[in-house]
Amino acid sequence: MRELVEILAKALVDNPDNVVVTQTEDERAINVSLKVAQEDMGKVIGKQGKIAKAIRTVVKAAAVKDGRRVNVDIDH
């Protein structure tokens, strides 16, 4: 899941070198944290959070194949 979030984020931002994605797992879910440069936050979140919601939807759809739950957090 980390790789998928990284690919999506790098395609959206102006500074792809500043994209940092970390992944932790527990028995119930996979937690993915996305950090981007401050000036790229608007591009990742989108108007009214539509881009962020789309990223979460794509990642959750990919996780369904594995039978896992995924949480995507966007940090700045």
PDB file of N, CA and C in Angstrom:
ATOM      1  N   MET A   1       0.812  -1.191   0.000  1.00  0.00           N
ATOM      2  CA  MET A   1       0.000   0.000   0.000  1.00  0.00           C
ATOM      3  C   MET A   1       0.864   1.267   0.000  1.00  0.00           C
ATOM      4  N   ARG A   2       2.018   1.175   0.651  1.00  0.00           N
ATOM      5  CA  ARG A   2       2.908   2.329   0.717  1.00  0.00           C
ATOM      6  C   ARG A   2       3.315   2.783  -0.674  1.00  0.00           C
ATOM      7  N   GLU A   3       3.632   1.822  -1.527  1.00  0.00           N
ATOM      8  CA  GLU A   3       4.080   2.149  -2.876  1.00  0.00           C
ATOM      9  C   GLU A   3       2.969   2.819  -3.683  1.00  0.00           C
ATOM     10  N   LEU A   4       1.748   2.345  -3.511  1.00  0.00           N
ATOM     11  CA  LEU A   4       0.613   2.915  -4.235  1.00  0.00           C
ATOM     12  C   LEU A   4       0.388   4.369  -3.831  1.00  0.00           C
ATOM     13  N   VAL A   5       0.405   4.652  -2.539  1.00  0.00           N
ATOM     14  CA  VAL A   5       0.222   6.027  -2.064  1.00  0.00           C
ATOM     15  C   VAL A   5       1.358   6.912  -2.560  1.00  0.00           C
ATOM     16  N   GLU A   6       2.578   6.390  -2.555  1.00  0.00           N
ATOM     17  CA  GLU A   6       3.735   7.163  -3.009  1.00  0.00           C
ATOM     18  C   GLU A   6       3.618   7.517  -4.487  1.00  0.00           C
ATOM     19  N   ILE A   7       3.222   6.577  -5.300  1.00  0.00           N
ATOM     20  CA  ILE A   7       3.065   6.827  -6.739  1.00  0.00           C
ATOM     21  C   ILE A   7       1.987   7.876  -6.991  1.00  0.00           C
ATOM     22  N   LEU A   8       0.851   7.745  -6.317  1.00  0.00           N
ATOM     23  CA  LEU A   8      -0.242   8.705  -6.489  1.00  0.00           C
ATOM     24  C   LEU A   8       0.180  10.106  -6.052  1.00  0.00           C
ATOM     25  N   ALA A   9       0.836  10.209  -4.907  1.00  0.00           N
ATOM     26  CA  ALA A   9       1.229  11.515  -4.381  1.00  0.00           C
ATOM     27  C   ALA A   9       2.276  12.184  -5.257  1.00  0.00           C
ATOM     28  N   LYS A  10       3.264  11.421  -5.695  1.00  0.00           N
ATOM     29  CA  LYS A  10       4.321  12.006  -6.527  1.00  0.00           C
ATOM     30  C   LYS A  10       3.781  12.510  -7.860  1.00  0.00           C
ATOM     31  N   ALA A  11       2.715  11.897  -8.354  1.00  0.00           N
ATOM     32  CA  ALA A  11       2.113  12.351  -9.604  1.00  0.00           C
ATOM     33  C   ALA A  11       1.368  13.676  -9.432  1.00  0.00           C
ATOM     34  N   LEU A  12       0.974  13.996  -8.214  1.00  0.00           N
ATOM     35  CA  LEU A  12       0.175  15.193  -7.964  1.00  0.00           C
ATOM     36  C   LEU A  12       0.988  16.434  -7.610  1.00  0.00           C
ATOM     37  N   VAL A  13       2.131  16.269  -6.965  1.00  0.00           N
ATOM     38  CA  VAL A  13       2.854  17.400  -6.379  1.00  0.00           C
ATOM     39  C   VAL A  13       3.908  17.983  -7.313  1.00  0.00           C
ATOM     40  N   ASP A  14       4.341  19.207  -6.975  1.00  0.00           N
ATOM     41  CA  ASP A  14       5.415  19.864  -7.726  1.00  0.00           C
ATOM     42  C   ASP A  14       6.792  19.430  -7.230  1.00  0.00           C
ATOM     43  N   ASN A  15       6.879  18.977  -5.974  1.00  0.00           N
ATOM     44  CA  ASN A  15       8.147  18.577  -5.363  1.00  0.00           C
ATOM     45  C   ASN A  15       8.093  17.091  -4.992  1.00  0.00           C
ATOM     46  N   PRO A  16       8.212  16.195  -5.961  1.00  0.00           N
ATOM     47  CA  PRO A  16       8.098  14.764  -5.647  1.00  0.00           C
ATOM     48  C   PRO A  16       9.200  14.234  -4.742  1.00  0.00           C
ATOM     49  N   ASP A  17      10.340  14.942  -4.663  1.00  0.00           N
ATOM     50  CA  ASP A  17      11.419  14.495  -3.781  1.00  0.00           C
ATOM     51  C   ASP A  17      11.069  14.673  -2.310  1.00  0.00           C
ATOM     52  N   ASN A  18      10.082  15.525  -2.012  1.00  0.00           N
ATOM     53  CA  ASN A  18       9.691  15.788  -0.628  1.00  0.00           C
ATOM     54  C   ASN A  18       8.559  14.880  -0.150  1.00  0.00           C
ATOM     55  N   VAL A  19       8.131  13.943  -0.964  1.00  0.00           N
ATOM     56  CA  VAL A  19       7.063  13.024  -0.573  1.00  0.00           C
ATOM     57  C   VAL A  19       7.660  11.908   0.283  1.00  0.00           C
ATOM     58  N   VAL A  20       7.096  11.741   1.477  1.00  0.00           N
ATOM     59  CA  VAL A  20       7.547  10.696   2.393  1.00  0.00           C
ATOM     60  C   VAL A  20       6.320   9.887   2.807  1.00  0.00           C
ATOM     61  N   VAL A  21       6.384   8.583   2.570  1.00  0.00           N
ATOM     62  CA  VAL A  21       5.275   7.701   2.922  1.00  0.00           C
ATOM     63  C   VAL A  21       5.795   6.629   3.875  1.00  0.00           C
ATOM     64  N   THR A  22       5.131   6.498   5.022  1.00  0.00           N
ATOM     65  CA  THR A  22       5.495   5.455   5.973  1.00  0.00           C
ATOM     66  C   THR A  22       4.292   4.544   6.190  1.00  0.00           C
ATOM     67  N   GLN A  23       4.585   3.308   6.506  1.00  0.00           N
ATOM     68  CA  GLN A  23       3.514   2.320   6.692  1.00  0.00           C
ATOM     69  C   GLN A  23       3.775   1.531   7.971  1.00  0.00           C
ATOM     70  N   THR A  24       2.737   1.402   8.781  1.00  0.00           N
ATOM     71  CA  THR A  24       2.794   0.543   9.959  1.00  0.00           C
ATOM     72  C   THR A  24       1.608  -0.400   9.903  1.00  0.00           C
ATOM     73  N   GLU A  25       1.783  -1.549  10.495  1.00  0.00           N
ATOM     74  CA  GLU A  25       0.707  -2.544  10.479  1.00  0.00           C
ATOM     75  C   GLU A  25       0.439  -3.030  11.890  1.00  0.00           C
ATOM     76  N   ASP A  26      -0.828  -3.286  12.175  1.00  0.00           N
ATOM     77  CA  ASP A  26      -1.200  -3.991  13.389  1.00  0.00           C
ATOM     78  C   ASP A  26      -2.134  -5.124  12.992  1.00  0.00           C
ATOM     79  N   GLU A  27      -2.695  -5.793  13.969  1.00  0.00           N
ATOM     80  CA  GLU A  27      -3.505  -6.969  13.645  1.00  0.00           C
ATOM     81  C   GLU A  27      -4.806  -6.632  12.915  1.00  0.00           C
ATOM     82  N   ARG A  28      -5.244  -5.383  13.030  1.00  0.00           N
ATOM     83  CA  ARG A  28      -6.520  -5.016  12.408  1.00  0.00           C
ATOM     84  C   ARG A  28      -6.390  -4.232  11.117  1.00  0.00           C
ATOM     85  N   ALA A  29      -5.342  -3.437  10.982  1.00  0.00           N
ATOM     86  CA  ALA A  29      -5.299  -2.533   9.831  1.00  0.00           C
ATOM     87  C   ALA A  29      -3.864  -2.161   9.459  1.00  0.00           C
ATOM     88  N   ILE A  30      -3.757  -1.603   8.270  1.00  0.00           N
ATOM     89  CA  ILE A  30      -2.506  -1.019   7.785  1.00  0.00           C
ATOM     90  C   ILE A  30      -2.680   0.490   7.872  1.00  0.00           C
ATOM     91  N   ASN A  31      -1.734   1.167   8.499  1.00  0.00           N
ATOM     92  CA  ASN A  31      -1.786   2.620   8.628  1.00  0.00           C
ATOM     93  C   ASN A  31      -0.705   3.220   7.740  1.00  0.00           C
ATOM     94  N   VAL A  32      -1.119   4.071   6.819  1.00  0.00           N
ATOM     95  CA  VAL A  32      -0.195   4.712   5.889  1.00  0.00           C
ATOM     96  C   VAL A  32      -0.216   6.210   6.169  1.00  0.00           C
ATOM     97  N   SER A  33       0.965   6.787   6.342  1.00  0.00           N
ATOM     98  CA  SER A  33       1.092   8.212   6.608  1.00  0.00           C
ATOM     99  C   SER A  33       1.806   8.873   5.429  1.00  0.00           C
ATOM    100  N   LEU A  34       1.218   9.936   4.918  1.00  0.00           N
ATOM    101  CA  LEU A  34       1.761  10.659   3.764  1.00  0.00           C
ATOM    102  C   LEU A  34       2.171  12.054   4.207  1.00  0.00           C
ATOM    103  N   LYS A  35       3.413  12.419   3.930  1.00  0.00           N
ATOM    104  CA  LYS A  35       3.903  13.761   4.222  1.00  0.00           C
ATOM    105  C   LYS A  35       4.405  14.377   2.928  1.00  0.00           C
ATOM    106  N   VAL A  36       3.977  15.617   2.674  1.00  0.00           N
ATOM    107  CA  VAL A  36       4.409  16.351   1.484  1.00  0.00           C
ATOM    108  C   VAL A  36       4.857  17.739   1.921  1.00  0.00           C
ATOM    109  N   ALA A  37       5.501  18.457   1.013  1.00  0.00           N
ATOM    110  CA  ALA A  37       5.920  19.828   1.288  1.00  0.00           C
ATOM    111  C   ALA A  37       4.686  20.696   1.536  1.00  0.00           C
ATOM    112  N   GLN A  38       4.856  21.718   2.359  1.00  0.00           N
ATOM    113  CA  GLN A  38       3.736  22.592   2.727  1.00  0.00           C
ATOM    114  C   GLN A  38       3.054  23.196   1.501  1.00  0.00           C
ATOM    115  N   GLU A  39       3.838  23.587   0.503  1.00  0.00           N
ATOM    116  CA  GLU A  39       3.245  24.214  -0.682  1.00  0.00           C
ATOM    117  C   GLU A  39       2.474  23.222  -1.557  1.00  0.00           C
ATOM    118  N   ASP A  40       2.646  21.929  -1.318  1.00  0.00           N
ATOM    119  CA  ASP A  40       1.940  20.904  -2.088  1.00  0.00           C
ATOM    120  C   ASP A  40       0.710  20.348  -1.372  1.00  0.00           C
ATOM    121  N   MET A  41       0.446  20.804  -0.163  1.00  0.00           N
ATOM    122  CA  MET A  41      -0.683  20.270   0.603  1.00  0.00           C
ATOM    123  C   MET A  41      -2.013  20.465  -0.133  1.00  0.00           C
ATOM    124  N   GLY A  42      -2.200  21.613  -0.739  1.00  0.00           N
ATOM    125  CA  GLY A  42      -3.447  21.881  -1.450  1.00  0.00           C
ATOM    126  C   GLY A  42      -3.665  20.950  -2.628  1.00  0.00           C
ATOM    127  N   LYS A  43      -2.590  20.563  -3.279  1.00  0.00           N
ATOM    128  CA  LYS A  43      -2.700  19.655  -4.424  1.00  0.00           C
ATOM    129  C   LYS A  43      -3.058  18.246  -3.987  1.00  0.00           C
ATOM    130  N   VAL A  44      -2.599  17.844  -2.811  1.00  0.00           N
ATOM    131  CA  VAL A  44      -2.881  16.496  -2.316  1.00  0.00           C
ATOM    132  C   VAL A  44      -4.271  16.423  -1.687  1.00  0.00           C
ATOM    133  N   ILE A  45      -4.687  17.509  -1.036  1.00  0.00           N
ATOM    134  CA  ILE A  45      -5.999  17.510  -0.391  1.00  0.00           C
ATOM    135  C   ILE A  45      -7.103  17.840  -1.394  1.00  0.00           C
ATOM    136  N   GLY A  46      -6.888  18.832  -2.221  1.00  0.00           N
ATOM    137  CA  GLY A  46      -7.890  19.208  -3.215  1.00  0.00           C
ATOM    138  C   GLY A  46      -9.005  20.040  -2.620  1.00  0.00           C
ATOM    139  N   LYS A  47      -9.849  20.559  -3.478  1.00  0.00           N
ATOM    140  CA  LYS A  47     -10.980  21.363  -3.020  1.00  0.00           C
ATOM    141  C   LYS A  47     -11.945  20.484  -2.239  1.00  0.00           C
ATOM    142  N   GLN A  48     -12.243  20.939  -1.023  1.00  0.00           N
ATOM    143  CA  GLN A  48     -13.153  20.235  -0.119  1.00  0.00           C
ATOM    144  C   GLN A  48     -12.704  18.789   0.137  1.00  0.00           C
ATOM    145  N   GLY A  49     -11.408  18.527  -0.002  1.00  0.00           N
ATOM    146  CA  GLY A  49     -10.863  17.210   0.313  1.00  0.00           C
ATOM    147  C   GLY A  49     -11.146  16.138  -0.725  1.00  0.00           C
ATOM    148  N   LYS A  50     -11.509  16.529  -1.921  1.00  0.00           N
ATOM    149  CA  LYS A  50     -11.881  15.539  -2.940  1.00  0.00           C
ATOM    150  C   LYS A  50     -10.705  14.676  -3.398  1.00  0.00           C
ATOM    151  N   ILE A  51      -9.526  15.260  -3.553  1.00  0.00           N
ATOM    152  CA  ILE A  51      -8.360  14.477  -3.981  1.00  0.00           C
ATOM    153  C   ILE A  51      -7.962  13.504  -2.878  1.00  0.00           C
ATOM    154  N   ALA A  52      -7.941  13.970  -1.628  1.00  0.00           N
ATOM    155  CA  ALA A  52      -7.596  13.102  -0.506  1.00  0.00           C
ATOM    156  C   ALA A  52      -8.583  11.939  -0.404  1.00  0.00           C
ATOM    157  N   LYS A  53      -9.848  12.228  -0.591  1.00  0.00           N
ATOM    158  CA  LYS A  53     -10.865  11.170  -0.539  1.00  0.00           C
ATOM    159  C   LYS A  53     -10.655  10.170  -1.670  1.00  0.00           C
ATOM    160  N   ALA A  54     -10.284  10.656  -2.849  1.00  0.00           N
ATOM    161  CA  ALA A  54     -10.045   9.767  -3.985  1.00  0.00           C
ATOM    162  C   ALA A  54      -8.834   8.865  -3.723  1.00  0.00           C
ATOM    163  N   ILE A  55      -7.770   9.428  -3.136  1.00  0.00           N
ATOM    164  CA  ILE A  55      -6.588   8.624  -2.808  1.00  0.00           C
ATOM    165  C   ILE A  55      -6.979   7.523  -1.826  1.00  0.00           C
ATOM    166  N   ARG A  56      -7.728   7.896  -0.791  1.00  0.00           N
ATOM    167  CA  ARG A  56      -8.154   6.900   0.202  1.00  0.00           C
ATOM    168  C   ARG A  56      -9.030   5.823  -0.430  1.00  0.00           C
ATOM    169  N   THR A  57      -9.903   6.199  -1.349  1.00  0.00           N
ATOM    170  CA  THR A  57     -10.790   5.237  -2.004  1.00  0.00           C
ATOM    171  C   THR A  57      -9.994   4.237  -2.831  1.00  0.00           C
ATOM    172  N   VAL A  58      -9.023   4.711  -3.587  1.00  0.00           N
ATOM    173  CA  VAL A  58      -8.204   3.823  -4.419  1.00  0.00           C
ATOM    174  C   VAL A  58      -7.409   2.854  -3.556  1.00  0.00           C
ATOM    175  N   VAL A  59      -6.816   3.364  -2.484  1.00  0.00           N
ATOM    176  CA  VAL A  59      -6.004   2.515  -1.607  1.00  0.00           C
ATOM    177  C   VAL A  59      -6.881   1.480  -0.899  1.00  0.00           C
ATOM    178  N   LYS A  60      -8.039   1.894  -0.437  1.00  0.00           N
ATOM    179  CA  LYS A  60      -8.943   0.951   0.231  1.00  0.00           C
ATOM    180  C   LYS A  60      -9.436  -0.117  -0.730  1.00  0.00           C
ATOM    181  N   ALA A  61      -9.679   0.254  -1.974  1.00  0.00           N
ATOM    182  CA  ALA A  61     -10.103  -0.729  -2.972  1.00  0.00           C
ATOM    183  C   ALA A  61      -9.004  -1.756  -3.226  1.00  0.00           C
ATOM    184  N   ALA A  62      -7.767  -1.317  -3.250  1.00  0.00           N
ATOM    185  CA  ALA A  62      -6.651  -2.247  -3.440  1.00  0.00           C
ATOM    186  C   ALA A  62      -6.491  -3.157  -2.220  1.00  0.00           C
ATOM    187  N   ALA A  63      -6.782  -2.642  -1.042  1.00  0.00           N
ATOM    188  CA  ALA A  63      -6.640  -3.434   0.184  1.00  0.00           C
ATOM    189  C   ALA A  63      -7.718  -4.490   0.315  1.00  0.00           C
ATOM    190  N   VAL A  64      -8.852  -4.285  -0.299  1.00  0.00           N
ATOM    191  CA  VAL A  64      -9.946  -5.256  -0.222  1.00  0.00           C
ATOM    192  C   VAL A  64      -9.507  -6.595  -0.809  1.00  0.00           C
ATOM    193  N   LYS A  65      -8.669  -6.557  -1.825  1.00  0.00           N
ATOM    194  CA  LYS A  65      -8.169  -7.791  -2.430  1.00  0.00           C
ATOM    195  C   LYS A  65      -7.397  -8.627  -1.420  1.00  0.00           C
ATOM    196  N   ASP A  66      -6.700  -7.948  -0.485  1.00  0.00           N
ATOM    197  CA  ASP A  66      -5.927  -8.640   0.530  1.00  0.00           C
ATOM    198  C   ASP A  66      -6.750  -8.944   1.777  1.00  0.00           C
ATOM    199  N   GLY A  67      -7.976  -8.454   1.822  1.00  0.00           N
ATOM    200  CA  GLY A  67      -8.818  -8.658   2.990  1.00  0.00           C
ATOM    201  C   GLY A  67      -8.352  -7.852   4.189  1.00  0.00           C
ATOM    202  N   ARG A  68      -7.743  -6.696   3.947  1.00  0.00           N
ATOM    203  CA  ARG A  68      -7.207  -5.848   5.023  1.00  0.00           C
ATOM    204  C   ARG A  68      -7.909  -4.505   5.024  1.00  0.00           C
ATOM    205  N   ARG A  69      -7.799  -3.797   6.127  1.00  0.00           N
ATOM    206  CA  ARG A  69      -8.290  -2.424   6.232  1.00  0.00           C
ATOM    207  C   ARG A  69      -7.092  -1.496   6.141  1.00  0.00           C
ATOM    208  N   VAL A  70      -7.294  -0.341   5.529  1.00  0.00           N
ATOM    209  CA  VAL A  70      -6.215   0.618   5.366  1.00  0.00           C
ATOM    210  C   VAL A  70      -6.699   1.995   5.807  1.00  0.00           C
ATOM    211  N   ASN A  71      -5.863   2.684   6.566  1.00  0.00           N
ATOM    212  CA  ASN A  71      -6.114   4.064   6.944  1.00  0.00           C
ATOM    213  C   ASN A  71      -5.008   4.914   6.331  1.00  0.00           C
ATOM    214  N   VAL A  72      -5.398   5.989   5.644  1.00  0.00           N
ATOM    215  CA  VAL A  72      -4.423   6.896   5.034  1.00  0.00           C
ATOM    216  C   VAL A  72      -4.522   8.245   5.721  1.00  0.00           C
ATOM    217  N   ASP A  73      -3.414   8.683   6.329  1.00  0.00           N
ATOM    218  CA  ASP A  73      -3.360   9.990   6.990  1.00  0.00           C
ATOM    219  C   ASP A  73      -2.433  10.897   6.195  1.00  0.00           C
ATOM    220  N   ILE A  74      -2.870  12.136   6.011  1.00  0.00           N
ATOM    221  CA  ILE A  74      -2.050  13.125   5.301  1.00  0.00           C
ATOM    222  C   ILE A  74      -1.554  14.135   6.320  1.00  0.00           C
ATOM    223  N   ASP A  75      -0.237  14.175   6.508  1.00  0.00           N
ATOM    224  CA  ASP A  75       0.388  15.069   7.485  1.00  0.00           C
ATOM    225  C   ASP A  75       1.124  16.174   6.761  1.00  0.00           C
ATOM    226  N   HIS A  76       1.372  17.250   7.482  1.00  0.00           N
ATOM    227  CA  HIS A  76       2.174  18.337   6.928  1.00  0.00           C
ATOM    228  C   HIS A  76       3.282  18.713   7.866  1.00  0.00           C
TER     229      HIS A  76
END
